[in-house]
C-alpha atoms as a PDB file:
ATOM      1  CA  MET A   1       0.000   0.000   0.000  1.00  0.00           C
ATOM      2  CA  SER A   2       1.149   3.576  -0.584  1.00  0.00           C
ATOM      3  CA  SER A   3       1.558   5.912   2.363  1.00  0.00           C
ATOM      4  CA  GLU A   4       1.153   8.867   0.008  1.00  0.00           C
ATOM      5  CA  GLU A   5      -2.230   7.533  -1.111  1.00  0.00           C
ATOM      6  CA  GLN A   6      -3.327   7.104   2.499  1.00  0.00           C
ATOM      7  CA  MET A   7      -2.110  10.564   3.488  1.00  0.00           C
ATOM      8  CA  ALA A   8      -3.991  12.016   0.519  1.00  0.00           C
ATOM      9  CA  ILE A   9      -7.204  10.478   1.831  1.00  0.00           C
ATOM     10  CA  LEU A  10      -6.604  11.864   5.341  1.00  0.00           C
ATOM     11  CA  LYS A  11      -5.874  15.288   3.911  1.00  0.00           C
ATOM     12  CA  LEU A  12      -9.207  15.270   2.069  1.00  0.00           C
ATOM     13  CA  LEU A  13     -10.915  14.225   5.295  1.00  0.00           C
ATOM     14  CA  GLU A  14      -9.254  17.005   7.273  1.00  0.00           C
ATOM     15  CA  GLN A  15     -10.342  19.545   4.636  1.00  0.00           C
ATOM     16  CA  GLY A  16     -13.917  18.284   4.807  1.00  0.00           C
ATOM     17  CA  LYS A  17     -13.953  17.242   1.145  1.00  0.00           C
ATOM     18  CA  ILE A  18     -14.987  13.667   1.959  1.00  0.00           C
ATOM     19  CA  THR A  19     -17.018  12.087   4.761  1.00  0.00           C
ATOM     20  CA  ALA A  20     -15.743   9.668   7.393  1.00  0.00           C
ATOM     21  CA  GLN A  21     -17.551   6.836   5.646  1.00  0.00           C
ATOM     22  CA  GLU A  22     -15.945   7.706   2.310  1.00  0.00           C
ATOM     23  CA  ALA A  23     -12.528   7.964   3.932  1.00  0.00           C
ATOM     24  CA  GLU A  24     -12.957   4.591   5.601  1.00  0.00           C
ATOM     25  CA  ARG A  25     -13.881   2.924   2.310  1.00  0.00           C
ATOM     26  CA  LEU A  26     -10.883   4.464   0.563  1.00  0.00           C
ATOM     27  CA  LEU A  27      -8.464   3.556   3.348  1.00  0.00           C
ATOM     28  CA  ARG A  28      -9.683  -0.019   3.358  1.00  0.00           C
ATOM     29  CA  ALA A  29      -9.340  -0.223  -0.410  1.00  0.00           C
ATOM     30  CA  VAL A  30      -5.728   0.961  -0.534  1.00  0.00           C
ATOM     31  CA  SER A  31      -4.806  -1.148   2.498  1.00  0.00           C
ATOM     32  CA  GLY A  32      -6.158  -4.311   0.910  1.00  0.00           C
ATOM     33  CA  GLN A  33      -8.918  -4.846   3.502  1.00  0.00           C
ATOM     34  CA  SER A  34     -11.794  -4.719   1.037  1.00  0.00           C
ATOM     35  CA  ARG A  35     -12.570  -5.418  -2.588  1.00  0.00           C
ATOM     36  CA  GLY A  36     -14.695  -2.277  -2.857  1.00  0.00           C
ATOM     37  CA  ASP A  37     -13.948  -0.209  -5.922  1.00  0.00           C
ATOM     38  CA  GLY A  38     -13.870   3.359  -4.587  1.00  0.00           C
ATOM     39  CA  PRO A  39     -12.766   6.450  -6.542  1.00  0.00           C
ATOM     40  CA  ARG A  40      -9.560   6.444  -8.544  1.00  0.00           C
ATOM     41  CA  LEU A  41      -6.487   7.316  -6.531  1.00  0.00           C
ATOM     42  CA  ASP A  42      -5.033   9.471  -9.291  1.00  0.00           C
ATOM     43  CA  GLU A  43      -8.016  11.813  -8.954  1.00  0.00           C
ATOM     44  CA  LEU A  44      -7.389  12.098  -5.231  1.00  0.00           C
ATOM     45  CA  GLY A  45      -3.872  13.209  -6.040  1.00  0.00           C
ATOM     46  CA  LYS A  46      -5.191  15.873  -8.422  1.00  0.00           C
ATOM     47  CA  ASN A  47      -7.632  17.148  -5.816  1.00  0.00           C
ATOM     48  CA  ILE A  48      -4.971  17.850  -3.210  1.00  0.00           C
ATOM     49  CA  GLY A  49      -2.448  19.416  -5.617  1.00  0.00           C
ATOM     50  CA  GLN A  50       0.725  20.231  -3.767  1.00  0.00           C
ATOM     51  CA  ALA A  51      -0.506  18.982  -0.386  1.00  0.00           C
ATOM     52  CA  MET A  52       1.537  15.800  -0.625  1.00  0.00           C
ATOM     53  CA  GLN A  53       4.724  17.829  -1.103  1.00  0.00           C
ATOM     54  CA  GLU A  54       4.474  19.048   2.476  1.00  0.00           C
ATOM     55  CA  ALA A  55       6.837  17.316   4.838  1.00  0.00           C
ATOM     56  CA  GLY A  56       7.701  16.961   8.491  1.00  0.00           C
ATOM     57  CA  ARG A  57       5.652  19.094  10.847  1.00  0.00           C
ATOM     58  CA  ALA A  58       3.123  20.238   8.257  1.00  0.00           C
ATOM     59  CA  ILE A  59       2.056  16.638   7.635  1.00  0.00           C
ATOM     60  CA  SER A  60       2.015  15.791  11.322  1.00  0.00           C
ATOM     61  CA  ASP A  61      -0.170  18.820  12.050  1.00  0.00           C
ATOM     62  CA  ALA A  62      -2.624  17.889   9.313  1.00  0.00           C
ATOM     63  CA  VAL A  63      -2.882  14.324  10.555  1.00  0.00           C
ATOM     64  CA  GLY A  64      -3.311  15.519  14.119  1.00  0.00           C
ATOM     65  CA  THR A  65      -6.202  17.734  13.068  1.00  0.00           C
ATOM     66  CA  ALA A  66      -7.813  14.817  11.235  1.00  0.00           C
ATOM     67  CA  ARG A  67      -7.407  12.555  14.274  1.00  0.00           C
ATOM     68  CA  ARG A  68      -8.988  15.108  16.648  1.00  0.00           C
ATOM     69  CA  SER A  69     -11.970  15.838  14.407  1.00  0.00           C
ATOM     70  CA  PRO A  70     -15.277  13.940  14.891  1.00  0.00           C
ATOM     71  CA  ALA A  71     -14.749  12.284  11.520  1.00  0.00           C
ATOM     72  CA  GLY A  72     -11.254  11.239  12.502  1.00  0.00           C
ATOM     73  CA  ARG A  73     -12.506   9.740  15.748  1.00  0.00           C
ATOM     74  CA  ALA A  74     -15.103   7.812  13.759  1.00  0.00           C
ATOM     75  CA  LEU A  75     -12.300   6.094  11.853  1.00  0.00           C
ATOM     76  CA  GLY A  76     -10.853   4.713  15.060  1.00  0.00           C
ATOM     77  CA  GLY A  77      -7.454   3.067  14.817  1.00  0.00           C
ATOM     78  CA  MET A  78      -7.164   3.351  11.038  1.00  0.00           C
ATOM     79  CA  VAL A  79      -5.697   6.860  11.359  1.00  0.00           C
ATOM     80  CA  ASP A  80      -3.075   5.571  13.788  1.00  0.00           C
ATOM     81  CA  ASP A  81      -2.183   2.795  11.334  1.00  0.00           C
ATOM     82  CA  VAL A  82      -1.536   5.342   8.600  1.00  0.00           C
ATOM     83  CA  VAL A  83       0.503   7.624  10.866  1.00  0.00           C
ATOM     84  CA  SER A  84       2.655   4.719  12.063  1.00  0.00           C
ATOM     85  CA  GLU A  85       3.377   3.553   8.540  1.00  0.00           C
ATOM     86  CA  PHE A  86       4.050   7.032   7.148  1.00  0.00           C
ATOM     87  CA  SER A  87       6.422   7.998   9.917  1.00  0.00           C
ATOM     88  CA  GLY A  88       8.432   4.816   9.560  1.00  0.00           C
ATOM     89  CA  SER A  89       8.318   4.244  13.316  1.00  0.00           C
ATOM     90  CA  GLY A  90       8.020   0.817  14.882  1.00  0.00           C
ATOM     91  CA  GLU A  91       9.764  -2.533  14.755  1.00  0.00           C
ATOM     92  CA  GLU A  92       9.836  -4.877  11.777  1.00  0.00           C
ATOM     93  CA  ILE A  93      10.648  -8.558  11.556  1.00  0.00           C
ATOM     94  CA  GLU A  94      10.887 -10.825   8.526  1.00  0.00           C
ATOM     95  CA  GLU A  95      10.646 -14.600   8.306  1.00  0.00           C
ATOM     96  CA  THR A  96      11.016 -16.937   5.321  1.00  0.00           C
ATOM     97  CA  ARG A  97       9.765 -20.466   4.845  1.00  0.00           C
ATOM     98  CA  GLU A  98      10.300 -22.830   1.909  1.00  0.00           C
ATOM     99  CA  TRP A  99       8.526 -25.936   0.581  1.00  0.00           C
ATOM    100  CA  THR A 100       9.289 -28.444  -2.167  1.00  0.00           C
ATOM    101  CA  LEU A 101       6.259 -30.380  -3.428  1.00  0.00           C
ATOM    102  CA  GLU A 102       5.953 -33.189  -5.957  1.00  0.00           C
ATOM    103  CA  ALA A 103       4.366 -32.040  -9.222  1.00  0.00           C
ATOM    104  CA  ALA A 104       3.308 -35.401 -10.696  1.00  0.00           C
ATOM    105  CA  GLY A 105      -0.444 -35.314 -11.331  1.00  0.00           C
ATOM    106  CA  VAL A 106      -0.786 -31.615 -10.465  1.00  0.00           C
ATOM    107  CA  ALA A 107      -2.751 -29.493 -12.958  1.00  0.00           C
ATOM    108  CA  LEU A 108      -3.365 -26.229 -11.058  1.00  0.00           C
ATOM    109  CA  LEU A 109      -1.334 -23.922  -8.829  1.00  0.00           C
ATOM    110  CA  GLN A 110      -3.448 -21.589  -6.696  1.00  0.00           C
ATOM    111  CA  ALA A 111      -1.903 -18.840  -4.557  1.00  0.00           C
ATOM    112  CA  ASP A 112      -3.751 -16.308  -2.383  1.00  0.00           C
ATOM    113  CA  THR A 113      -2.535 -13.547  -0.076  1.00  0.00           C
ATOM    114  CA  SER A 114      -4.109 -10.413   1.377  1.00  0.00           C
ATOM    115  CA  ASN A 115      -1.146  -8.052   1.283  1.00  0.00           C
ATOM    116  CA  GLY A 116       1.919  -8.965  -0.727  1.00  0.00           C
ATOM    117  CA  ALA A 117       3.260  -9.741  -4.178  1.00  0.00           C
ATOM    118  CA  ILE A 118       3.019 -13.062  -5.999  1.00  0.00           C
ATOM    119  CA  ALA A 119       5.643 -14.104  -8.562  1.00  0.00           C
ATOM    120  CA  VAL A 120       5.561 -17.419 -10.451  1.00  0.00           C
ATOM    121  CA  GLU A 121       8.123 -18.791 -12.891  1.00  0.00           C
ATOM    122  CA  GLY A 122       7.517 -21.758 -15.160  1.00  0.00           C
ATOM    123  CA  THR A 123      10.540 -24.068 -15.334  1.00  0.00           C
ATOM    124  CA  ASP A 124      11.587 -27.517 -16.557  1.00  0.00           C
ATOM    125  CA  LEU A 125      11.642 -28.797 -12.975  1.00  0.00           C
ATOM    126  CA  GLU A 126       9.458 -31.772 -12.045  1.00  0.00           C
ATOM    127  CA  GLU A 127       8.665 -30.252  -8.661  1.00  0.00           C
ATOM    128  CA  ILE A 128       7.107 -27.142  -7.189  1.00  0.00           C
ATOM    129  CA  ARG A 129       9.294 -24.855  -5.096  1.00  0.00           C
ATOM    130  CA  VAL A 130       7.618 -22.292  -2.875  1.00  0.00           C
ATOM    131  CA  ARG A 131       9.278 -19.508  -0.925  1.00  0.00           C
ATOM    132  CA  ALA A 132       7.010 -17.452   1.339  1.00  0.00           C
ATOM    133  CA  THR A 133       8.288 -14.322   3.046  1.00  0.00           C
ATOM    134  CA  LYS A 134       6.350 -12.954   5.997  1.00  0.00           C
ATOM    135  CA  LYS A 135       7.014  -9.379   7.108  1.00  0.00           C
ATOM    136  CA  VAL A 136       5.385  -7.853  10.188  1.00  0.00           C
ATOM    137  CA  LYS A 137       5.717  -4.257  11.363  1.00  0.00           C
ATOM    138  CA  ALA A 138       4.336  -3.121  14.739  1.00  0.00           C
ATOM    139  CA  ARG A 139       4.924  -0.416  17.323  1.00  0.00           C
ATOM    140  CA  THR A 140       7.124  -2.705  19.435  1.00  0.00           C
ATOM    141  CA  ARG A 141       9.213  -5.770  18.672  1.00  0.00           C
ATOM    142  CA  GLN A 142       7.140  -7.834  21.087  1.00  0.00           C
ATOM    143  CA  GLN A 143       3.961  -6.939  19.204  1.00  0.00           C
ATOM    144  CA  ALA A 144       5.627  -7.812  15.899  1.00  0.00           C
ATOM    145  CA  GLU A 145       6.830 -11.185  17.183  1.00  0.00           C
ATOM    146  CA  GLU A 146       3.464 -12.045  18.732  1.00  0.00           C
ATOM    147  CA  CYS A 147       1.662 -11.191  15.518  1.00  0.00           C
ATOM    148  CA  ALA A 148       4.169 -13.067  13.349  1.00  0.00           C
ATOM    149  CA  ALA A 149       3.562 -16.185  15.422  1.00  0.00           C
ATOM    150  CA  GLN A 150      -0.153 -15.949  14.617  1.00  0.00           C
ATOM    151  CA  VAL A 151       0.294 -15.448  10.877  1.00  0.00           C
ATOM    152  CA  GLU A 152       0.435 -18.877   9.269  1.00  0.00           C
ATOM    153  CA  VAL A 153       1.410 -19.688   5.680  1.00  0.00           C
ATOM    154  CA  HIS A 154       0.406 -22.986   4.089  1.00  0.00           C
ATOM    155  CA  ALA A 155       1.494 -24.825   0.940  1.00  0.00           C
ATOM    156  CA  GLN A 156      -0.075 -28.201   0.329  1.00  0.00           C
ATOM    157  CA  ARG A 157      -1.551 -30.460  -2.314  1.00  0.00           C
ATOM    158  CA  GLU A 158      -5.293 -31.058  -2.581  1.00  0.00           C
ATOM    159  CA  GLY A 159      -6.092 -33.534  -5.356  1.00  0.00           C
ATOM    160  CA  ASP A 160      -4.687 -32.163  -8.617  1.00  0.00           C
ATOM    161  CA  THR A 161      -4.197 -28.699  -7.081  1.00  0.00           C
ATOM    162  CA  VAL A 162      -1.376 -27.175  -5.063  1.00  0.00           C
ATOM    163  CA  ARG A 163      -2.691 -24.388  -2.825  1.00  0.00           C
ATOM    164  CA  ILE A 164      -0.657 -21.640  -1.178  1.00  0.00           C
ATOM    165  CA  TRP A 165      -2.423 -19.364   1.289  1.00  0.00           C
ATOM    166  CA  GLU A 166      -2.003 -17.426   4.503  1.00  0.00           C
ATOM    167  CA  GLU A 167      -4.081 -17.011   7.642  1.00  0.00           C
ATOM    168  CA  ARG A 168      -3.859 -14.030   9.966  1.00  0.00           C
ATOM    169  CA  PRO A 169      -5.737 -12.675  12.985  1.00  0.00           C
ATOM    170  CA  ARG A 170      -8.254  -9.921  12.394  1.00  0.00           C
ATOM    171  CA  ASN A 171      -8.318  -6.405  13.831  1.00  0.00           C
ATOM    172  CA  LEU A 172      -4.556  -5.877  13.716  1.00  0.00           C
ATOM    173  CA  THR A 173      -4.701  -2.223  14.732  1.00  0.00           C
ATOM    174  CA  GLY A 174      -1.355  -0.517  14.249  1.00  0.00           C
ATOM    175  CA  ILE A 175       0.244  -3.653  12.764  1.00  0.00           C
ATOM    176  CA  ARG A 176       1.181  -4.160   9.127  1.00  0.00           C
ATOM    177  CA  VAL A 177       1.447  -7.701   7.755  1.00  0.00           C
ATOM    178  CA  GLU A 178       2.853  -8.571   4.348  1.00  0.00           C
ATOM    179  CA  VAL A 179       3.097 -12.106   2.950  1.00  0.00           C
ATOM    180  CA  ARG A 180       4.654 -12.542  -0.485  1.00  0.00           C
ATOM    181  CA  TYR A 181       5.327 -15.651  -2.564  1.00  0.00           C
ATOM    182  CA  LEU A 182       8.010 -16.671  -5.028  1.00  0.00           C
ATOM    183  CA  VAL A 183       7.148 -19.923  -6.814  1.00  0.00           C
ATOM    184  CA  GLN A 184       8.860 -22.124  -9.394  1.00  0.00           C
ATOM    185  CA  CYS A 185       6.678 -24.753 -11.044  1.00  0.00           C
ATOM    186  CA  PRO A 186       6.453 -26.959 -14.150  1.00  0.00           C
ATOM    187  CA  ARG A 187       5.422 -25.036 -17.254  1.00  0.00           C
ATOM    188  CA  GLN A 188       2.316 -27.158 -17.857  1.00  0.00           C
ATOM    189  CA  LEU A 189       0.496 -25.990 -14.717  1.00  0.00           C
ATOM    190  CA  ALA A 190      -2.447 -23.611 -14.919  1.00  0.00           C
ATOM    191  CA  LEU A 191      -2.176 -20.649 -12.527  1.00  0.00           C
ATOM    192  CA  ARG A 192      -4.766 -18.954 -10.315  1.00  0.00           C
ATOM    193  CA  LEU A 193      -3.154 -16.065  -8.422  1.00  0.00           C
ATOM    194  CA  ASN A 194      -4.916 -13.552  -6.170  1.00  0.00           C
ATOM    195  CA  THR A 195      -3.790 -10.726  -3.892  1.00  0.00           C
ATOM    196  CA  LEU A 196      -5.562  -7.634  -2.606  1.00  0.00           C
ATOM    197  CA  ASN A 197      -2.514  -5.387  -2.406  1.00  0.00           C
ATOM    198  CA  GLY A 198       0.600  -6.109  -4.438  1.00  0.00           C
ATOM    199  CA  ALA A 199       1.868  -7.035  -7.877  1.00  0.00           C
ATOM    200  CA  VAL A 200       1.119 -10.354  -9.552  1.00  0.00           C
ATOM    201  CA  THR A 201       3.623 -11.602 -12.138  1.00  0.00           C
ATOM    202  CA  SER A 202       4.164 -14.867 -13.974  1.00  0.00           C
ATOM    203  CA  GLN A 203       6.446 -16.075 -16.716  1.00  0.00           C
ATOM    204  CA  GLY A 204       6.916 -19.142 -18.880  1.00  0.00           C
ATOM    205  CA  THR A 205       3.771 -21.225 -18.276  1.00  0.00           C
ATOM    206  CA  ARG A 206       1.626 -22.943 -20.919  1.00  0.00           C
ATOM    207  CA  ALA A 207      -1.789 -23.766 -19.456  1.00  0.00           C
ATOM    208  CA  GLY A 208      -3.303 -20.342 -18.857  1.00  0.00           C
ATOM    209  CA  VAL A 209      -3.312 -17.742 -16.095  1.00  0.00           C
ATOM    210  CA  GLU A 210      -5.993 -16.183 -13.909  1.00  0.00           C
ATOM    211  CA  ALA A 211      -4.539 -13.331 -11.869  1.00  0.00           C
ATOM    212  CA  SER A 212      -6.076 -10.473  -9.912  1.00  0.00           C
ATOM    213  CA  THR A 213      -5.093  -7.683  -7.541  1.00  0.00           C
ATOM    214  CA  LEU A 214      -6.899  -4.711  -6.083  1.00  0.00           C
ATOM    215  CA  ASN A 215      -3.856  -2.449  -5.965  1.00  0.00           C
ATOM    216  CA  GLY A 216      -0.831  -3.284  -8.113  1.00  0.00           C
ATOM    217  CA  LYS A 217       0.242  -4.360 -11.566  1.00  0.00           C
ATOM    218  CA  VAL A 218      -0.547  -7.686 -13.212  1.00  0.00           C
ATOM    219  CA  GLU A 219       2.028  -8.906 -15.729  1.00  0.00           C
ATOM    220  CA  VAL A 220       2.362 -12.170 -17.659  1.00  0.00           C
ATOM    221  CA  LYS A 221       5.319 -12.908 -19.948  1.00  0.00           C
ATOM    222  CA  ASP A 222       6.271 -15.628 -22.443  1.00  0.00           C
ATOM    223  CA  SER A 223       3.174 -17.666 -21.661  1.00  0.00           C
ATOM    224  CA  GLN A 224       0.434 -19.648 -23.389  1.00  0.00           C
ATOM    225  CA  GLY A 225      -3.202 -20.532 -22.819  1.00  0.00           C
ATOM    226  CA  PRO A 226      -6.355 -18.576 -21.971  1.00  0.00           C
ATOM    227  CA  MET A 227      -5.856 -15.448 -19.854  1.00  0.00           C
ATOM    228  CA  LYS A 228      -7.924 -13.596 -17.260  1.00  0.00           C
ATOM    229  CA  LEU A 229      -5.956 -10.700 -15.773  1.00  0.00           C
ATOM    230  CA  HIS A 230      -7.610  -8.071 -13.569  1.00  0.00           C
ATOM    231  CA  SER A 231      -6.447  -5.107 -11.480  1.00  0.00           C
ATOM    232  CA  LYS A 232      -8.324  -2.216  -9.929  1.00  0.00           C
ATOM    233  CA  ASN A 233      -5.408   0.186  -9.624  1.00  0.00           C
ATOM    234  CA  GLY A 234      -2.410  -0.751 -11.742  1.00  0.00           C
ATOM    235  CA  LYS A 235      -1.138  -1.663 -15.178  1.00  0.00           C
ATOM    236  CA  VAL A 236      -2.167  -4.925 -16.833  1.00  0.00           C
ATOM    237  CA  ALA A 237       0.348  -6.348 -19.311  1.00  0.00           C
ATOM    238  CA  ALA A 238       0.618  -9.639 -21.186  1.00  0.00           C
ATOM    239  CA  HIS A 239       3.226 -10.795 -23.712  1.00  0.00           C
ATOM    240  CA  LEU A 240       1.963 -14.128 -24.975  1.00  0.00           C
ATOM    241  CA  GLU A 241       3.525 -16.760 -27.180  1.00  0.00           C
ATOM    242  CA  LEU A 242       0.088 -18.260 -27.815  1.00  0.00           C
ATOM    243  CA  LEU A 243      -3.429 -17.246 -26.853  1.00  0.00           C
ATOM    244  CA  SER A 244      -5.287 -20.554 -27.046  1.00  0.00           C
ATOM    245  CA  GLY A 245      -8.493 -19.426 -25.317  1.00  0.00           C
ATOM    246  CA  ARG A 246     -10.383 -16.288 -24.356  1.00  0.00           C
ATOM    247  CA  GLY A 247      -8.278 -13.356 -23.184  1.00  0.00           C
ATOM    248  CA  GLU A 248      -9.616 -10.881 -20.593  1.00  0.00           C
ATOM    249  CA  PHE A 249      -7.432  -7.949 -19.567  1.00  0.00           C
ATOM    250  CA  GLU A 250      -8.953  -5.307 -17.309  1.00  0.00           C
ATOM    251  CA  THR A 251      -8.028  -2.511 -14.911  1.00  0.00           C
ATOM    252  CA  ALA A 252      -9.860   0.519 -13.574  1.00  0.00           C
ATOM    253  CA  ASN A 253      -6.823   2.783 -13.381  1.00  0.00           C
ATOM    254  CA  GLY A 254      -3.807   2.060 -15.559  1.00  0.00           C
ATOM    255  CA  LYS A 255      -2.650   1.038 -19.009  1.00  0.00           C
ATOM    256  CA  VAL A 256      -3.569  -2.250 -20.667  1.00  0.00           C
ATOM    257  CA  GLU A 257      -0.832  -3.630 -22.921  1.00  0.00           C
ATOM    258  CA  VAL A 258      -1.228  -6.990 -24.671  1.00  0.00           C
ATOM    259  CA  VAL A 259       0.978  -8.687 -27.262  1.00  0.00           C
ATOM    260  CA  VAL A 260      -0.283 -11.918 -28.857  1.00  0.00           C
ATOM    261  CA  ARG A 261       2.303 -13.595 -31.071  1.00  0.00           C
ATOM    262  CA  ALA A 262       0.030 -16.453 -32.176  1.00  0.00           C
ATOM    263  CA  GLY A 263      -3.501 -17.706 -31.673  1.00  0.00           C
ATOM    264  CA  GLN A 264      -7.094 -17.034 -32.663  1.00  0.00           C
ATOM    265  CA  ALA A 265      -9.394 -16.275 -29.725  1.00  0.00           C
ATOM    266  CA  PRO A 266     -11.812 -13.630 -28.387  1.00  0.00           C
ATOM    267  CA  ILE A 267     -10.121 -10.713 -26.616  1.00  0.00           C
ATOM    268  CA  ASP A 268     -11.589  -8.197 -24.172  1.00  0.00           C
ATOM    269  CA  ALA A 269      -9.234  -5.409 -23.027  1.00  0.00           C
ATOM    270  CA  LYS A 270     -10.492  -2.415 -21.068  1.00  0.00           C
ATOM    271  CA  THR A 271      -9.614   0.311 -18.600  1.00  0.00           C
ATOM    272  CA  LEU A 272     -11.311   3.413 -17.271  1.00  0.00           C
ATOM    273  CA  ASN A 273      -8.232   5.597 -17.082  1.00  0.00           C
ATOM    274  CA  GLY A 274      -5.348   4.747 -19.407  1.00  0.00           C
ATOM    275  CA  ALA A 275      -4.399   3.617 -22.878  1.00  0.00           C
ATOM    276  CA  VAL A 276      -5.178   0.251 -24.448  1.00  0.00           C
ATOM    277  CA  ASP A 277      -2.467  -1.219 -26.712  1.00  0.00           C
ATOM    278  CA  LEU A 278      -3.062  -4.547 -28.454  1.00  0.00           C
ATOM    279  CA  SER A 279      -0.660  -6.239 -30.881  1.00  0.00           C
ATOM    280  CA  LEU A 280      -1.895  -9.195 -32.937  1.00  0.00           C
ATOM    281  CA  PRO A 281      -0.311 -11.545 -35.488  1.00  0.00           C
ATOM    282  CA  ALA A 282      -0.704 -10.450 -39.104  1.00  0.00           C
ATOM    283  CA  ASP A 283      -2.913 -13.468 -39.898  1.00  0.00           C
ATOM    284  CA  PHE A 284      -5.411 -12.791 -37.096  1.00  0.00           C
ATOM    285  CA  SER A 285      -9.040 -12.875 -38.214  1.00  0.00           C
ATOM    286  CA  GLY A 286     -11.998 -11.597 -36.236  1.00  0.00           C
ATOM    287  CA  ARG A 287     -14.124  -8.548 -35.617  1.00  0.00           C
ATOM    288  CA  LEU A 288     -13.027  -5.312 -33.932  1.00  0.00           C
ATOM    289  CA  ASP A 289     -15.193  -3.250 -31.586  1.00  0.00           C
ATOM    290  CA  ALA A 290     -13.081  -0.416 -30.145  1.00  0.00           C
ATOM    291  CA  SER A 291     -14.168   2.835 -28.508  1.00  0.00           C
ATOM    292  CA  THR A 292     -12.948   5.578 -26.187  1.00  0.00           C
ATOM    293  CA  VAL A 293     -14.568   8.699 -24.758  1.00  0.00           C
ATOM    294  CA  HIS A 294     -11.548  10.983 -24.367  1.00  0.00           C
ATOM    295  CA  GLY A 295      -8.992   9.847 -26.939  1.00  0.00           C
ATOM    296  CA  HIS A 296      -8.742   8.275 -30.365  1.00  0.00           C
ATOM    297  CA  VAL A 297      -8.647   4.813 -31.940  1.00  0.00           C
ATOM    298  CA  HIS A 298      -5.875   3.771 -34.336  1.00  0.00           C
ATOM    299  CA  SER A 299      -5.457   0.479 -36.195  1.00  0.00           C
ATOM    300  CA  GLU A 300      -2.574  -0.842 -38.287  1.00  0.00           C
ATOM    301  CA  PHE A 301      -4.990  -3.430 -39.658  1.00  0.00           C
ATOM    302  CA  PRO A 302      -7.151  -2.042 -42.477  1.00  0.00           C
ATOM    303  CA  ILE A 303     -10.673  -1.901 -41.048  1.00  0.00           C
ATOM    304  CA  PRO A 304     -13.474  -1.218 -43.553  1.00  0.00           C
ATOM    305  CA  VAL A 305     -15.604   1.583 -42.091  1.00  0.00           C
ATOM    306  CA  VAL A 306     -19.326   1.753 -42.738  1.00  0.00           C
ATOM    307  CA  GLY A 307     -20.866   5.184 -42.353  1.00  0.00           C
ATOM    308  CA  LYS A 308     -19.236   8.363 -41.045  1.00  0.00           C
ATOM    309  CA  PRO A 309     -15.668   7.926 -39.701  1.00  0.00           C
ATOM    310  CA  ASP A 310     -15.305   8.447 -35.952  1.00  0.00           C
ATOM    311  CA  LYS A 311     -11.851   8.970 -34.403  1.00  0.00           C
ATOM    312  CA  ALA A 312     -13.095   7.699 -31.040  1.00  0.00           C
ATOM    313  CA  ARG A 313     -14.748   4.525 -32.328  1.00  0.00           C
ATOM    314  CA  LEU A 314     -13.841   1.814 -34.830  1.00  0.00           C
ATOM    315  CA  GLU A 315     -15.798  -1.288 -35.762  1.00  0.00           C
ATOM    316  CA  GLY A 316     -15.255  -3.788 -38.529  1.00  0.00           C
ATOM    317  CA  ASP A 317     -13.572  -6.963 -39.690  1.00  0.00           C
ATOM    318  CA  ILE A 318      -9.947  -7.781 -38.930  1.00  0.00           C
ATOM    319  CA  GLY A 319      -8.522  -9.621 -41.913  1.00  0.00           C
ATOM    320  CA  PRO A 320     -11.206 -11.821 -43.490  1.00  0.00           C
ATOM    321  CA  GLY A 321     -13.345 -11.459 -40.362  1.00  0.00           C
ATOM    322  CA  GLY A 322     -14.634 -14.276 -38.220  1.00  0.00           C
ATOM    323  CA  GLU A 323     -16.249 -15.260 -34.949  1.00  0.00           C
ATOM    324  CA  HIS A 324     -13.564 -13.931 -32.599  1.00  0.00           C
ATOM    325  CA  LEU A 325     -14.594 -10.546 -31.177  1.00  0.00           C
ATOM    326  CA  VAL A 326     -11.835  -8.128 -30.176  1.00  0.00           C
ATOM    327  CA  ARG A 327     -13.419  -5.632 -27.779  1.00  0.00           C
ATOM    328  CA  LEU A 328     -11.287  -2.673 -26.658  1.00  0.00           C
ATOM    329  CA  ARG A 329     -12.541   0.003 -24.260  1.00  0.00           C
ATOM    330  CA  THR A 330     -11.246   3.004 -22.328  1.00  0.00           C
ATOM    331  CA  LEU A 331     -12.790   6.144 -20.895  1.00  0.00           C
ATOM    332  CA  ASN A 332      -9.681   8.338 -20.752  1.00  0.00           C
ATOM    333  CA  GLY A 333      -6.978   7.325 -23.203  1.00  0.00           C
ATOM    334  CA  ALA A 334      -6.088   6.190 -26.692  1.00  0.00           C
ATOM    335  CA  ILE A 335      -6.625   2.764 -28.237  1.00  0.00           C
ATOM    336  CA  SER A 336      -4.023   1.262 -30.549  1.00  0.00           C
ATOM    337  CA  LEU A 337      -4.338  -1.984 -32.529  1.00  0.00           C
ATOM    338  CA  LYS A 338      -0.983  -3.032 -33.979  1.00  0.00           C
ATOM    339  CA  LYS A 339      -0.012  -5.665 -36.534  1.00  0.00           C
ATOM    340  CA  LEU A 340       3.063  -7.725 -35.694  1.00  0.00           C
ATOM    341  CA  ALA A 341       5.587  -8.180 -38.477  1.00  0.00           C
ATOM    342  CA  ALA A 342       6.548 -11.737 -39.399  1.00  0.00           C
ATOM    343  CA  ALA A 343       9.877 -11.410 -37.554  1.00  0.00           C
ATOM    344  CA  GLN A 344       8.035 -10.398 -34.362  1.00  0.00           C
ATOM    345  CA  GLU A 345       5.561 -13.279 -34.357  1.00  0.00           C
END
């Protein structure tokens, strides 16, 4: 989570621009405590202008005012959590645990965490290697150690699935817990990766990826299969050797960038705030439906236009046409459909 984002929310609260309820929802969203959508964080930054450039005593005074206000009191310990994190005070401990699991008969790798990054690498190994790093920050070392002892990380096989997940106590006022995973697995495993706050990345797998985060980027490289990649606040990027099934690429705030070197499949790429860039093989055939509100649409594929040309919307056949719909959407940003040269495919 970003301390600047949290301080921006508190500043808006102190200025009376948002209610306590709105502030609570936003704080929970950026801290990974809820899947609620909430307003875009970039707009919060625009609203406060130079406020986040203040340092030292100016920030402390603003936070103190927010804490003393009725709205600040309504937020309870969440204000203290933000202050503790922003100031850098407290004690932090870090623990690492590793597992090696047999991969024979495994078809799916599923990893879930509330606050932390997930990174998966497809390899030629015939086993699954998991490294989980647990980081706890609290006001005192004793608090950090007591909390760390209650945060449990699991990696185990259940049928044809290997699951990785963490369990933590609730109501950790003033305590920050991060659990991140680094995994190596056989290339033929399908991936299902979920975090609320942190980046999700994978590379070199061949059976498809489902990945989601509330706050962070989602990136898949050198992979094959169907794709379902979602973020609420962060870039979504995919560089695929083969798209063998439906591709869904979505974020609310950030760029969507997809490169498909081979494959014929439906594609849905969209964002509310950012550009959409899609590169397809020269022999791709399907139908394009692309539109933006504030921006323009450009295609390197010749798209026959029926009716009056519209710079913000483009519909028509890609190549000879076909059943595969390519749907591209953004509210604020440009849309670009590119044709890969033979050497790039």
